[in-house]
Amino acid sequence: MWGLVPPQVRVGAVLVCALALAAIQWVIAGMPNRDVVEWAWHLLSSVGVITVLGSLLGRYRSAWLLLASKGLGRWFYPDLNGTWRGTVKSSFTERTGQPDTEIQFIIDQRWGGISMDGRSLSGYHKSASLHVTPALEDRDPVLWVHFKGIQDAPKRTDEGHFFGSARLVYDRDTERLQGPYWTNRAHQITGSGGTAGTMMLERISG
């Protein structure tokens, strides 16, 4: 999530917080003398403290949720934390006349990053996110997800694991995540480079 904040805003925020922290130090310990090196040392040490604190806060979900609850999610990037449920339409299942796959995902969103792990509600397979990148494309919130699919008991013609990617767009009106996905799964039975389809998710709990 830090990557979505413009660099100039990040630098400005760090400097403002560093100056505030340095001012508190000067009030408590007294103003430094006129030595430029001492002034620079106080400021740079404050920048280091703020940077470390920012890295630590990025690890905790509550740090993101606090700002999201104050309106950050409406103008910056929505809060996607929670359990999401929906369906997957696959090119393979559509061609063979099989029903859509019902799926469920848990999204964990923090300043330090986002994870998105899921499973099929039938228990046939699960997926673990390898890398999730939030983005704003034409002001639309987007999740680029790279994942690994795992099957505990694959059929003889299938695979035990596969890799894929998805581009999910968040619709602020319907509050849904939806978009296409691609995998290298079961290329030996699809007769192509893998499977592809669309995914639609709705949040069922926050």
N, C-alpha and C. Protein backbone atom coordinates (compact mmCIF):
# COMPACT_ATOMS: atom_id res chain seq x y z
N MET A 1 0.82 -1.21 0.00
CA MET A 1 0.00 0.00 0.00
C MET A 1 0.85 1.26 0.00
N TRP A 2 2.04 1.19 0.63
CA TRP A 2 2.91 2.36 0.63
C TRP A 2 3.23 2.80 -0.80
N GLY A 3 3.35 1.84 -1.72
CA GLY A 3 3.73 2.16 -3.08
C GLY A 3 2.72 3.02 -3.81
N LEU A 4 1.46 3.05 -3.35
CA LEU A 4 0.43 3.86 -3.99
C LEU A 4 0.52 5.33 -3.59
N VAL A 5 1.21 5.59 -2.49
CA VAL A 5 1.35 6.98 -2.03
C VAL A 5 2.42 7.67 -2.87
N PRO A 6 2.12 8.82 -3.49
CA PRO A 6 3.11 9.52 -4.31
C PRO A 6 4.40 9.78 -3.52
N PRO A 7 5.57 9.62 -4.16
CA PRO A 7 6.84 9.80 -3.45
C PRO A 7 6.96 11.14 -2.74
N GLN A 8 6.48 12.22 -3.36
CA GLN A 8 6.60 13.53 -2.74
C GLN A 8 5.77 13.62 -1.46
N VAL A 9 4.63 12.91 -1.45
CA VAL A 9 3.80 12.90 -0.24
C VAL A 9 4.49 12.12 0.87
N ARG A 10 5.09 10.98 0.51
CA ARG A 10 5.80 10.19 1.50
C ARG A 10 6.97 10.96 2.10
N VAL A 11 7.76 11.59 1.24
CA VAL A 11 8.92 12.35 1.73
C VAL A 11 8.45 13.52 2.60
N GLY A 12 7.41 14.21 2.15
CA GLY A 12 6.90 15.34 2.93
C GLY A 12 6.38 14.91 4.29
N ALA A 13 5.67 13.78 4.33
CA ALA A 13 5.13 13.29 5.60
C ALA A 13 6.25 12.92 6.56
N VAL A 14 7.29 12.27 6.03
CA VAL A 14 8.43 11.88 6.88
C VAL A 14 9.11 13.12 7.44
N LEU A 15 9.32 14.15 6.61
CA LEU A 15 9.99 15.36 7.07
C LEU A 15 9.17 16.11 8.12
N VAL A 16 7.86 16.20 7.89
CA VAL A 16 7.01 16.88 8.86
C VAL A 16 7.03 16.15 10.21
N CYS A 17 6.90 14.83 10.16
CA CYS A 17 6.93 14.05 11.40
C CYS A 17 8.30 14.14 12.08
N ALA A 18 9.37 14.14 11.27
CA ALA A 18 10.72 14.23 11.82
C ALA A 18 10.94 15.58 12.50
N LEU A 19 10.47 16.66 11.87
CA LEU A 19 10.59 17.98 12.48
C LEU A 19 9.80 18.07 13.79
N ALA A 20 8.61 17.45 13.79
CA ALA A 20 7.81 17.44 15.02
C ALA A 20 8.50 16.68 16.13
N LEU A 21 9.10 15.53 15.77
CA LEU A 21 9.80 14.74 16.78
C LEU A 21 11.04 15.47 17.27
N ALA A 22 11.78 16.11 16.36
CA ALA A 22 12.96 16.87 16.76
C ALA A 22 12.58 18.02 17.68
N ALA A 23 11.45 18.68 17.39
CA ALA A 23 10.99 19.79 18.23
C ALA A 23 10.67 19.29 19.65
N ILE A 24 10.07 18.11 19.75
CA ILE A 24 9.78 17.55 21.07
C ILE A 24 11.08 17.26 21.82
N GLN A 25 12.06 16.71 21.09
CA GLN A 25 13.36 16.45 21.72
C GLN A 25 13.99 17.75 22.21
N TRP A 26 13.89 18.81 21.42
CA TRP A 26 14.50 20.09 21.81
C TRP A 26 13.79 20.68 23.03
N VAL A 27 12.47 20.49 23.11
CA VAL A 27 11.74 21.01 24.26
C VAL A 27 12.16 20.26 25.53
N ILE A 28 12.34 18.94 25.41
CA ILE A 28 12.68 18.13 26.58
C ILE A 28 14.15 18.29 26.97
N ALA A 29 15.04 18.20 25.98
CA ALA A 29 16.49 18.20 26.27
C ALA A 29 17.14 19.56 26.07
N GLY A 30 16.40 20.50 25.54
CA GLY A 30 17.00 21.81 25.28
C GLY A 30 17.44 21.94 23.84
N MET A 31 17.42 23.15 23.34
CA MET A 31 17.83 23.40 21.95
C MET A 31 19.31 23.11 21.78
N PRO A 32 19.71 22.52 20.64
CA PRO A 32 21.14 22.32 20.40
C PRO A 32 21.84 23.67 20.18
N ASN A 33 23.14 23.66 20.30
CA ASN A 33 23.87 24.90 20.06
C ASN A 33 23.87 25.23 18.56
N ARG A 34 24.63 26.19 18.18
CA ARG A 34 24.59 26.65 16.79
C ARG A 34 25.40 25.77 15.85
N ASP A 35 25.91 24.67 16.33
CA ASP A 35 26.69 23.76 15.50
C ASP A 35 25.77 23.12 14.46
N VAL A 36 26.07 23.34 13.18
CA VAL A 36 25.24 22.80 12.09
C VAL A 36 25.19 21.28 12.14
N VAL A 37 26.31 20.65 12.50
CA VAL A 37 26.36 19.19 12.56
C VAL A 37 25.38 18.66 13.60
N GLU A 38 25.30 19.34 14.74
CA GLU A 38 24.39 18.88 15.80
C GLU A 38 22.94 19.04 15.37
N TRP A 39 22.63 20.16 14.71
CA TRP A 39 21.27 20.34 14.20
C TRP A 39 20.93 19.24 13.19
N ALA A 40 21.85 18.96 12.27
CA ALA A 40 21.61 17.92 11.26
C ALA A 40 21.47 16.55 11.92
N TRP A 41 22.27 16.29 12.95
CA TRP A 41 22.18 15.01 13.64
C TRP A 41 20.80 14.80 14.27
N HIS A 42 20.28 15.84 14.92
CA HIS A 42 18.95 15.74 15.53
C HIS A 42 17.89 15.45 14.47
N LEU A 43 17.97 16.15 13.35
CA LEU A 43 16.96 15.97 12.30
C LEU A 43 17.06 14.60 11.66
N LEU A 44 18.29 14.16 11.34
CA LEU A 44 18.47 12.86 10.68
C LEU A 44 18.11 11.72 11.60
N SER A 45 18.41 11.84 12.89
CA SER A 45 18.04 10.79 13.83
C SER A 45 16.52 10.70 13.93
N SER A 46 15.85 11.85 13.86
CA SER A 46 14.38 11.84 13.89
C SER A 46 13.81 11.18 12.64
N VAL A 47 14.42 11.45 11.48
CA VAL A 47 13.98 10.80 10.23
C VAL A 47 14.12 9.29 10.35
N GLY A 48 15.23 8.83 10.92
CA GLY A 48 15.44 7.39 11.10
C GLY A 48 14.39 6.77 12.00
N VAL A 49 14.05 7.47 13.09
CA VAL A 49 13.03 6.96 14.01
C VAL A 49 11.68 6.86 13.31
N ILE A 50 11.31 7.90 12.57
CA ILE A 50 10.03 7.91 11.86
C ILE A 50 9.98 6.79 10.83
N THR A 51 11.09 6.57 10.12
CA THR A 51 11.13 5.51 9.11
C THR A 51 10.95 4.13 9.74
N VAL A 52 11.62 3.90 10.86
CA VAL A 52 11.48 2.62 11.56
C VAL A 52 10.05 2.44 12.06
N LEU A 53 9.47 3.50 12.63
CA LEU A 53 8.09 3.41 13.12
C LEU A 53 7.12 3.13 11.97
N GLY A 54 7.36 3.76 10.81
CA GLY A 54 6.50 3.50 9.65
C GLY A 54 6.58 2.06 9.20
N SER A 55 7.80 1.49 9.22
CA SER A 55 7.97 0.09 8.83
C SER A 55 7.25 -0.84 9.81
N LEU A 56 7.33 -0.51 11.10
CA LEU A 56 6.65 -1.34 12.09
C LEU A 56 5.15 -1.24 11.97
N LEU A 57 4.63 -0.03 11.77
CA LEU A 57 3.18 0.15 11.63
C LEU A 57 2.65 -0.57 10.40
N GLY A 58 3.49 -0.69 9.36
CA GLY A 58 3.06 -1.38 8.15
C GLY A 58 2.78 -2.85 8.36
N ARG A 59 3.25 -3.40 9.48
CA ARG A 59 3.04 -4.82 9.76
C ARG A 59 1.69 -5.09 10.43
N TYR A 60 1.05 -4.05 10.95
CA TYR A 60 -0.17 -4.25 11.73
C TYR A 60 -1.40 -3.81 10.95
N ARG A 61 -2.39 -4.68 10.89
CA ARG A 61 -3.61 -4.37 10.15
C ARG A 61 -4.34 -3.18 10.75
N SER A 62 -4.28 -3.04 12.09
CA SER A 62 -5.00 -1.96 12.76
C SER A 62 -4.52 -0.59 12.30
N ALA A 63 -3.23 -0.48 11.91
CA ALA A 63 -2.71 0.81 11.44
C ALA A 63 -3.39 1.22 10.14
N TRP A 64 -3.66 0.25 9.26
CA TRP A 64 -4.39 0.54 8.02
C TRP A 64 -5.86 0.78 8.30
N LEU A 65 -6.48 -0.06 9.14
CA LEU A 65 -7.91 0.04 9.40
C LEU A 65 -8.27 1.37 10.05
N LEU A 66 -7.38 1.88 10.90
CA LEU A 66 -7.66 3.15 11.58
C LEU A 66 -7.84 4.27 10.57
N LEU A 67 -6.92 4.38 9.61
CA LEU A 67 -7.02 5.44 8.60
C LEU A 67 -8.13 5.16 7.60
N ALA A 68 -8.34 3.88 7.28
CA ALA A 68 -9.41 3.53 6.34
C ALA A 68 -10.77 3.92 6.91
N SER A 69 -10.93 3.76 8.23
CA SER A 69 -12.20 4.10 8.87
C SER A 69 -12.43 5.60 8.93
N LYS A 70 -11.37 6.39 8.75
CA LYS A 70 -11.49 7.85 8.79
C LYS A 70 -11.67 8.46 7.40
N GLY A 71 -11.96 7.63 6.41
CA GLY A 71 -12.25 8.13 5.07
C GLY A 71 -11.18 7.87 4.05
N LEU A 72 -10.04 7.29 4.46
CA LEU A 72 -8.97 7.03 3.51
C LEU A 72 -9.42 6.10 2.39
N GLY A 73 -10.26 5.11 2.72
CA GLY A 73 -10.69 4.14 1.73
C GLY A 73 -11.60 4.71 0.66
N ARG A 74 -12.21 5.87 0.94
CA ARG A 74 -13.13 6.45 -0.04
C ARG A 74 -12.40 7.23 -1.13
N TRP A 75 -11.31 7.92 -0.77
CA TRP A 75 -10.64 8.74 -1.78
C TRP A 75 -9.28 8.18 -2.21
N PHE A 76 -8.70 7.26 -1.42
CA PHE A 76 -7.38 6.74 -1.76
C PHE A 76 -7.48 5.33 -2.33
N TYR A 77 -7.71 4.36 -1.49
CA TYR A 77 -7.84 2.96 -1.92
C TYR A 77 -8.76 2.26 -0.94
N PRO A 78 -9.74 1.48 -1.42
CA PRO A 78 -10.73 0.89 -0.51
C PRO A 78 -10.12 -0.16 0.42
N ASP A 79 -10.75 -0.31 1.57
CA ASP A 79 -10.37 -1.37 2.49
C ASP A 79 -11.00 -2.67 2.01
N LEU A 80 -10.16 -3.65 1.67
CA LEU A 80 -10.65 -4.91 1.12
C LEU A 80 -10.53 -6.07 2.12
N ASN A 81 -10.17 -5.77 3.34
CA ASN A 81 -10.05 -6.82 4.35
C ASN A 81 -11.35 -7.59 4.52
N GLY A 82 -11.24 -8.90 4.68
CA GLY A 82 -12.43 -9.68 4.95
C GLY A 82 -12.48 -10.98 4.16
N THR A 83 -13.62 -11.65 4.27
CA THR A 83 -13.87 -12.90 3.56
C THR A 83 -14.73 -12.61 2.34
N TRP A 84 -14.30 -13.11 1.20
CA TRP A 84 -14.99 -12.87 -0.07
C TRP A 84 -15.41 -14.21 -0.66
N ARG A 85 -16.60 -14.23 -1.23
CA ARG A 85 -17.11 -15.47 -1.82
C ARG A 85 -17.70 -15.17 -3.20
N GLY A 86 -17.54 -16.13 -4.11
CA GLY A 86 -18.07 -15.92 -5.45
C GLY A 86 -17.90 -17.14 -6.33
N THR A 87 -17.80 -16.89 -7.63
CA THR A 87 -17.73 -17.98 -8.60
C THR A 87 -16.60 -17.74 -9.60
N VAL A 88 -16.14 -18.86 -10.15
CA VAL A 88 -15.14 -18.84 -11.22
C VAL A 88 -15.74 -19.50 -12.44
N LYS A 89 -15.70 -18.78 -13.56
CA LYS A 89 -16.10 -19.36 -14.84
C LYS A 89 -14.84 -19.72 -15.60
N SER A 90 -14.66 -20.97 -15.90
CA SER A 90 -13.45 -21.44 -16.56
C SER A 90 -13.72 -21.79 -18.01
N SER A 91 -12.76 -21.54 -18.85
CA SER A 91 -12.88 -21.91 -20.26
C SER A 91 -13.04 -23.42 -20.41
N PHE A 92 -12.39 -24.19 -19.53
CA PHE A 92 -12.47 -25.64 -19.60
C PHE A 92 -13.83 -26.15 -19.15
N THR A 93 -14.35 -25.64 -18.04
CA THR A 93 -15.65 -26.11 -17.54
C THR A 93 -16.78 -25.68 -18.47
N GLU A 94 -16.66 -24.50 -19.08
CA GLU A 94 -17.69 -24.07 -20.02
C GLU A 94 -17.72 -24.96 -21.25
N ARG A 95 -16.53 -25.35 -21.72
CA ARG A 95 -16.47 -26.20 -22.91
C ARG A 95 -17.00 -27.60 -22.62
N THR A 96 -16.82 -28.09 -21.41
CA THR A 96 -17.26 -29.44 -21.06
C THR A 96 -18.64 -29.46 -20.40
N GLY A 97 -19.25 -28.28 -20.23
CA GLY A 97 -20.59 -28.23 -19.67
C GLY A 97 -20.65 -28.40 -18.16
N GLN A 98 -19.54 -28.22 -17.47
CA GLN A 98 -19.52 -28.35 -16.02
C GLN A 98 -19.97 -27.04 -15.37
N PRO A 99 -20.50 -27.11 -14.14
CA PRO A 99 -20.97 -25.89 -13.47
C PRO A 99 -19.80 -24.99 -13.05
N ASP A 100 -20.12 -23.74 -12.77
CA ASP A 100 -19.11 -22.81 -12.27
C ASP A 100 -18.58 -23.29 -10.92
N THR A 101 -17.37 -22.93 -10.62
CA THR A 101 -16.74 -23.30 -9.35
C THR A 101 -17.01 -22.22 -8.32
N GLU A 102 -17.52 -22.62 -7.15
CA GLU A 102 -17.74 -21.68 -6.06
C GLU A 102 -16.47 -21.58 -5.23
N ILE A 103 -16.05 -20.35 -4.94
CA ILE A 103 -14.78 -20.13 -4.27
C ILE A 103 -14.94 -19.17 -3.10
N GLN A 104 -13.94 -19.17 -2.24
CA GLN A 104 -13.91 -18.25 -1.12
C GLN A 104 -12.47 -17.78 -0.89
N PHE A 105 -12.30 -16.48 -0.68
CA PHE A 105 -10.98 -15.90 -0.44
C PHE A 105 -10.97 -15.11 0.85
N ILE A 106 -9.83 -15.07 1.50
CA ILE A 106 -9.61 -14.20 2.65
C ILE A 106 -8.53 -13.19 2.26
N ILE A 107 -8.88 -11.91 2.31
CA ILE A 107 -7.95 -10.84 1.97
C ILE A 107 -7.44 -10.20 3.26
N ASP A 108 -6.13 -10.13 3.39
CA ASP A 108 -5.48 -9.49 4.52
C ASP A 108 -4.72 -8.27 3.99
N GLN A 109 -5.23 -7.08 4.29
CA GLN A 109 -4.68 -5.84 3.73
C GLN A 109 -4.06 -5.01 4.85
N ARG A 110 -2.80 -4.61 4.64
CA ARG A 110 -2.08 -3.76 5.59
C ARG A 110 -1.27 -2.75 4.80
N TRP A 111 -0.68 -1.77 5.50
CA TRP A 111 0.18 -0.82 4.80
C TRP A 111 1.36 -1.53 4.17
N GLY A 112 1.82 -2.61 4.81
CA GLY A 112 2.98 -3.32 4.31
C GLY A 112 2.70 -4.26 3.15
N GLY A 113 1.44 -4.48 2.79
CA GLY A 113 1.12 -5.38 1.68
C GLY A 113 -0.23 -6.03 1.81
N ILE A 114 -0.57 -6.84 0.81
CA ILE A 114 -1.86 -7.53 0.77
C ILE A 114 -1.62 -9.00 0.44
N SER A 115 -2.34 -9.88 1.12
CA SER A 115 -2.34 -11.30 0.75
C SER A 115 -3.78 -11.70 0.43
N MET A 116 -3.91 -12.71 -0.42
CA MET A 116 -5.23 -13.15 -0.87
C MET A 116 -5.19 -14.66 -1.07
N ASP A 117 -5.62 -15.40 -0.07
CA ASP A 117 -5.58 -16.86 -0.11
C ASP A 117 -7.00 -17.42 -0.16
N GLY A 118 -7.19 -18.47 -0.94
CA GLY A 118 -8.55 -18.97 -1.12
C GLY A 118 -8.63 -20.47 -1.28
N ARG A 119 -9.85 -20.92 -1.50
CA ARG A 119 -10.13 -22.35 -1.69
C ARG A 119 -11.46 -22.49 -2.42
N SER A 120 -11.64 -23.63 -3.05
CA SER A 120 -12.94 -23.93 -3.64
C SER A 120 -13.85 -24.45 -2.54
N LEU A 121 -15.11 -24.09 -2.57
CA LEU A 121 -16.04 -24.52 -1.53
C LEU A 121 -16.33 -26.01 -1.61
N SER A 122 -16.01 -26.63 -2.73
CA SER A 122 -16.16 -28.08 -2.85
C SER A 122 -14.98 -28.81 -2.23
N GLY A 123 -13.92 -28.05 -1.88
CA GLY A 123 -12.75 -28.67 -1.28
C GLY A 123 -11.80 -29.28 -2.29
N TYR A 124 -12.02 -29.02 -3.58
CA TYR A 124 -11.21 -29.66 -4.61
C TYR A 124 -9.80 -29.09 -4.66
N HIS A 125 -9.67 -27.79 -4.47
CA HIS A 125 -8.33 -27.20 -4.48
C HIS A 125 -8.32 -25.90 -3.68
N LYS A 126 -7.13 -25.41 -3.41
CA LYS A 126 -6.94 -24.14 -2.72
C LYS A 126 -5.85 -23.36 -3.43
N SER A 127 -5.75 -22.09 -3.12
CA SER A 127 -4.73 -21.26 -3.76
C SER A 127 -4.08 -20.36 -2.71
N ALA A 128 -2.81 -20.08 -2.93
CA ALA A 128 -2.05 -19.19 -2.05
C ALA A 128 -1.44 -18.09 -2.90
N SER A 129 -1.62 -16.85 -2.47
CA SER A 129 -1.06 -15.74 -3.24
C SER A 129 0.45 -15.69 -3.08
N LEU A 130 1.13 -15.52 -4.19
CA LEU A 130 2.58 -15.36 -4.18
C LEU A 130 2.97 -13.88 -4.16
N HIS A 131 2.19 -13.08 -4.84
CA HIS A 131 2.46 -11.65 -4.87
C HIS A 131 1.16 -10.93 -5.27
N VAL A 132 0.75 -9.94 -4.47
CA VAL A 132 -0.44 -9.17 -4.75
C VAL A 132 -0.05 -7.69 -4.84
N THR A 133 -0.39 -7.06 -5.95
CA THR A 133 -0.03 -5.67 -6.16
C THR A 133 -1.29 -4.83 -6.30
N PRO A 134 -1.52 -3.90 -5.37
CA PRO A 134 -2.65 -2.97 -5.53
C PRO A 134 -2.27 -1.87 -6.51
N ALA A 135 -3.23 -1.41 -7.29
CA ALA A 135 -2.95 -0.36 -8.26
C ALA A 135 -4.21 0.49 -8.46
N LEU A 136 -3.99 1.71 -8.94
CA LEU A 136 -5.08 2.58 -9.34
C LEU A 136 -4.95 2.81 -10.84
N GLU A 137 -5.89 2.28 -11.61
CA GLU A 137 -5.86 2.40 -13.07
C GLU A 137 -7.08 3.18 -13.52
N ASP A 138 -6.85 4.38 -14.03
CA ASP A 138 -7.96 5.30 -14.37
C ASP A 138 -8.85 5.52 -13.15
N ARG A 139 -8.18 5.60 -11.98
CA ARG A 139 -8.83 5.83 -10.68
C ARG A 139 -9.64 4.63 -10.21
N ASP A 140 -9.59 3.52 -10.93
CA ASP A 140 -10.26 2.31 -10.48
C ASP A 140 -9.30 1.47 -9.64
N PRO A 141 -9.71 1.04 -8.44
CA PRO A 141 -8.87 0.17 -7.62
C PRO A 141 -8.75 -1.21 -8.27
N VAL A 142 -7.52 -1.69 -8.42
CA VAL A 142 -7.26 -2.96 -9.09
C VAL A 142 -6.31 -3.79 -8.22
N LEU A 143 -6.54 -5.10 -8.20
CA LEU A 143 -5.61 -6.04 -7.58
C LEU A 143 -5.02 -6.92 -8.66
N TRP A 144 -3.70 -6.91 -8.80
CA TRP A 144 -2.99 -7.87 -9.63
C TRP A 144 -2.52 -8.98 -8.73
N VAL A 145 -3.00 -10.21 -8.96
CA VAL A 145 -2.72 -11.33 -8.07
C VAL A 145 -1.97 -12.43 -8.82
N HIS A 146 -0.83 -12.82 -8.27
CA HIS A 146 -0.09 -13.98 -8.79
C HIS A 146 -0.19 -15.07 -7.72
N PHE A 147 -0.65 -16.24 -8.12
CA PHE A 147 -0.97 -17.26 -7.11
C PHE A 147 -0.49 -18.64 -7.53
N LYS A 148 -0.49 -19.54 -6.55
CA LYS A 148 -0.19 -20.95 -6.78
C LYS A 148 -1.41 -21.77 -6.36
N GLY A 149 -1.92 -22.56 -7.28
CA GLY A 149 -3.04 -23.45 -6.98
C GLY A 149 -2.53 -24.81 -6.54
N ILE A 150 -3.17 -25.38 -5.53
CA ILE A 150 -2.74 -26.66 -4.97
C ILE A 150 -3.95 -27.60 -4.89
N GLN A 151 -3.75 -28.82 -5.38
CA GLN A 151 -4.80 -29.83 -5.31
C GLN A 151 -4.28 -31.04 -4.52
N ASP A 152 -5.00 -31.41 -3.49
CA ASP A 152 -4.57 -32.51 -2.63
C ASP A 152 -4.71 -33.87 -3.32
N ALA A 153 -5.76 -34.02 -4.12
CA ALA A 153 -5.99 -35.32 -4.77
C ALA A 153 -6.36 -35.09 -6.23
N PRO A 154 -5.39 -34.70 -7.04
CA PRO A 154 -5.70 -34.42 -8.45
C PRO A 154 -6.03 -35.70 -9.21
N LYS A 155 -6.83 -35.55 -10.25
CA LYS A 155 -7.10 -36.68 -11.12
C LYS A 155 -5.84 -37.04 -11.90
N ARG A 156 -5.81 -38.24 -12.45
CA ARG A 156 -4.62 -38.71 -13.13
C ARG A 156 -4.24 -37.82 -14.31
N THR A 157 -5.23 -37.21 -14.94
CA THR A 157 -4.96 -36.35 -16.08
C THR A 157 -4.72 -34.90 -15.69
N ASP A 158 -4.81 -34.61 -14.39
CA ASP A 158 -4.66 -33.24 -13.92
C ASP A 158 -3.29 -33.06 -13.27
N GLU A 159 -3.08 -31.93 -12.62
CA GLU A 159 -1.82 -31.62 -12.00
C GLU A 159 -2.00 -31.34 -10.51
N GLY A 160 -0.94 -31.61 -9.74
CA GLY A 160 -1.01 -31.38 -8.30
C GLY A 160 -0.94 -29.90 -7.94
N HIS A 161 -0.27 -29.13 -8.76
CA HIS A 161 -0.22 -27.69 -8.53
C HIS A 161 -0.04 -26.97 -9.86
N PHE A 162 -0.41 -25.71 -9.86
CA PHE A 162 -0.31 -24.89 -11.06
C PHE A 162 -0.14 -23.44 -10.63
N PHE A 163 0.17 -22.58 -11.59
CA PHE A 163 0.39 -21.17 -11.29
C PHE A 163 -0.53 -20.32 -12.17
N GLY A 164 -0.88 -19.16 -11.65
CA GLY A 164 -1.77 -18.30 -12.42
C GLY A 164 -1.71 -16.85 -11.97
N SER A 165 -2.42 -16.02 -12.70
CA SER A 165 -2.52 -14.59 -12.39
C SER A 165 -3.95 -14.14 -12.62
N ALA A 166 -4.32 -13.07 -11.93
CA ALA A 166 -5.66 -12.50 -12.09
C ALA A 166 -5.57 -10.98 -11.99
N ARG A 167 -6.47 -10.32 -12.70
CA ARG A 167 -6.61 -8.87 -12.60
C ARG A 167 -8.03 -8.58 -12.14
N LEU A 168 -8.17 -8.19 -10.89
CA LEU A 168 -9.49 -7.99 -10.28
C LEU A 168 -9.73 -6.51 -10.04
N VAL A 169 -10.82 -6.01 -10.59
CA VAL A 169 -11.19 -4.60 -10.45
C VAL A 169 -12.27 -4.47 -9.39
N TYR A 170 -12.10 -3.53 -8.47
CA TYR A 170 -13.10 -3.29 -7.43
C TYR A 170 -14.09 -2.24 -7.92
N ASP A 171 -15.36 -2.62 -7.94
CA ASP A 171 -16.43 -1.72 -8.35
C ASP A 171 -16.98 -1.04 -7.09
N ARG A 172 -16.81 0.27 -6.98
CA ARG A 172 -17.23 0.97 -5.77
C ARG A 172 -18.75 0.98 -5.62
N ASP A 173 -19.48 0.87 -6.73
CA ASP A 173 -20.95 0.89 -6.66
C ASP A 173 -21.51 -0.45 -6.17
N THR A 174 -21.05 -1.54 -6.77
CA THR A 174 -21.55 -2.86 -6.39
C THR A 174 -20.73 -3.50 -5.27
N GLU A 175 -19.54 -2.91 -4.99
CA GLU A 175 -18.61 -3.44 -3.98
C GLU A 175 -18.22 -4.88 -4.29
N ARG A 176 -17.97 -5.14 -5.57
CA ARG A 176 -17.53 -6.45 -6.02
C ARG A 176 -16.11 -6.39 -6.58
N LEU A 177 -15.43 -7.51 -6.50
CA LEU A 177 -14.15 -7.70 -7.17
C LEU A 177 -14.39 -8.65 -8.33
N GLN A 178 -14.01 -8.25 -9.52
CA GLN A 178 -14.23 -9.13 -10.67
C GLN A 178 -13.22 -8.84 -11.77
N GLY A 179 -12.96 -9.88 -12.56
CA GLY A 179 -12.03 -9.73 -13.66
C GLY A 179 -11.54 -11.06 -14.17
N PRO A 180 -10.65 -11.04 -15.17
CA PRO A 180 -10.16 -12.27 -15.79
C PRO A 180 -9.00 -12.89 -15.01
N TYR A 181 -8.77 -14.18 -15.27
CA TYR A 181 -7.61 -14.87 -14.71
C TYR A 181 -7.07 -15.83 -15.76
N TRP A 182 -5.81 -16.22 -15.58
CA TRP A 182 -5.14 -17.15 -16.49
C TRP A 182 -4.30 -18.11 -15.66
N THR A 183 -4.23 -19.38 -16.07
CA THR A 183 -3.36 -20.34 -15.38
C THR A 183 -2.66 -21.23 -16.41
N ASN A 184 -1.66 -21.96 -15.94
CA ASN A 184 -1.00 -22.97 -16.79
C ASN A 184 -1.51 -24.36 -16.44
N ARG A 185 -2.70 -24.43 -15.83
CA ARG A 185 -3.23 -25.70 -15.35
C ARG A 185 -3.73 -26.58 -16.48
N ALA A 186 -3.44 -27.87 -16.34
CA ALA A 186 -4.04 -28.91 -17.18
C ALA A 186 -3.89 -28.64 -18.67
N HIS A 187 -2.73 -28.16 -19.07
CA HIS A 187 -2.55 -27.89 -20.50
C HIS A 187 -2.59 -29.17 -21.32
N GLN A 188 -2.31 -30.31 -20.68
CA GLN A 188 -2.29 -31.56 -21.43
C GLN A 188 -3.69 -32.05 -21.79
N ILE A 189 -4.74 -31.52 -21.09
CA ILE A 189 -6.09 -31.97 -21.42
C ILE A 189 -6.91 -30.87 -22.08
N THR A 190 -6.46 -29.62 -21.96
CA THR A 190 -7.20 -28.54 -22.62
C THR A 190 -6.75 -28.34 -24.06
N GLY A 191 -5.55 -28.85 -24.39
CA GLY A 191 -5.05 -28.70 -25.74
C GLY A 191 -4.55 -27.30 -26.03
N SER A 192 -4.33 -26.51 -24.98
CA SER A 192 -3.83 -25.15 -25.15
C SER A 192 -2.78 -24.89 -24.08
N GLY A 193 -2.43 -23.63 -23.89
CA GLY A 193 -1.40 -23.29 -22.92
C GLY A 193 -1.87 -23.32 -21.48
N GLY A 194 -3.14 -23.59 -21.22
CA GLY A 194 -3.65 -23.62 -19.86
C GLY A 194 -5.12 -23.27 -19.84
N THR A 195 -5.59 -22.79 -18.70
CA THR A 195 -7.00 -22.41 -18.56
C THR A 195 -7.10 -20.91 -18.37
N ALA A 196 -8.27 -20.38 -18.61
CA ALA A 196 -8.55 -18.96 -18.42
C ALA A 196 -10.03 -18.82 -18.10
N GLY A 197 -10.43 -17.67 -17.63
CA GLY A 197 -11.82 -17.46 -17.31
C GLY A 197 -12.02 -16.14 -16.60
N THR A 198 -13.12 -16.05 -15.89
CA THR A 198 -13.45 -14.84 -15.14
C THR A 198 -13.79 -15.20 -13.71
N MET A 199 -13.58 -14.23 -12.83
CA MET A 199 -13.83 -14.43 -11.41
C MET A 199 -14.68 -13.27 -10.90
N MET A 200 -15.65 -13.56 -10.03
CA MET A 200 -16.48 -12.53 -9.43
C MET A 200 -16.59 -12.83 -7.94
N LEU A 201 -16.30 -11.82 -7.10
CA LEU A 201 -16.30 -12.02 -5.65
C LEU A 201 -17.12 -10.93 -4.96
N GLU A 202 -17.83 -11.32 -3.90
CA GLU A 202 -18.55 -10.39 -3.06
C GLU A 202 -18.12 -10.61 -1.61
N ARG A 203 -17.97 -9.52 -0.86
CA ARG A 203 -17.54 -9.66 0.53
C ARG A 203 -18.71 -10.12 1.39
N ILE A 204 -18.47 -11.15 2.20
CA ILE A 204 -19.52 -11.66 3.08
C ILE A 204 -19.27 -11.30 4.53
N SER A 205 -18.04 -10.90 4.86
CA SER A 205 -17.74 -10.44 6.21
C SER A 205 -16.50 -9.56 6.17
N GLY A 206 -16.43 -8.61 7.10
CA GLY A 206 -15.31 -7.67 7.12
C GLY A 206 -14.18 -8.12 7.99
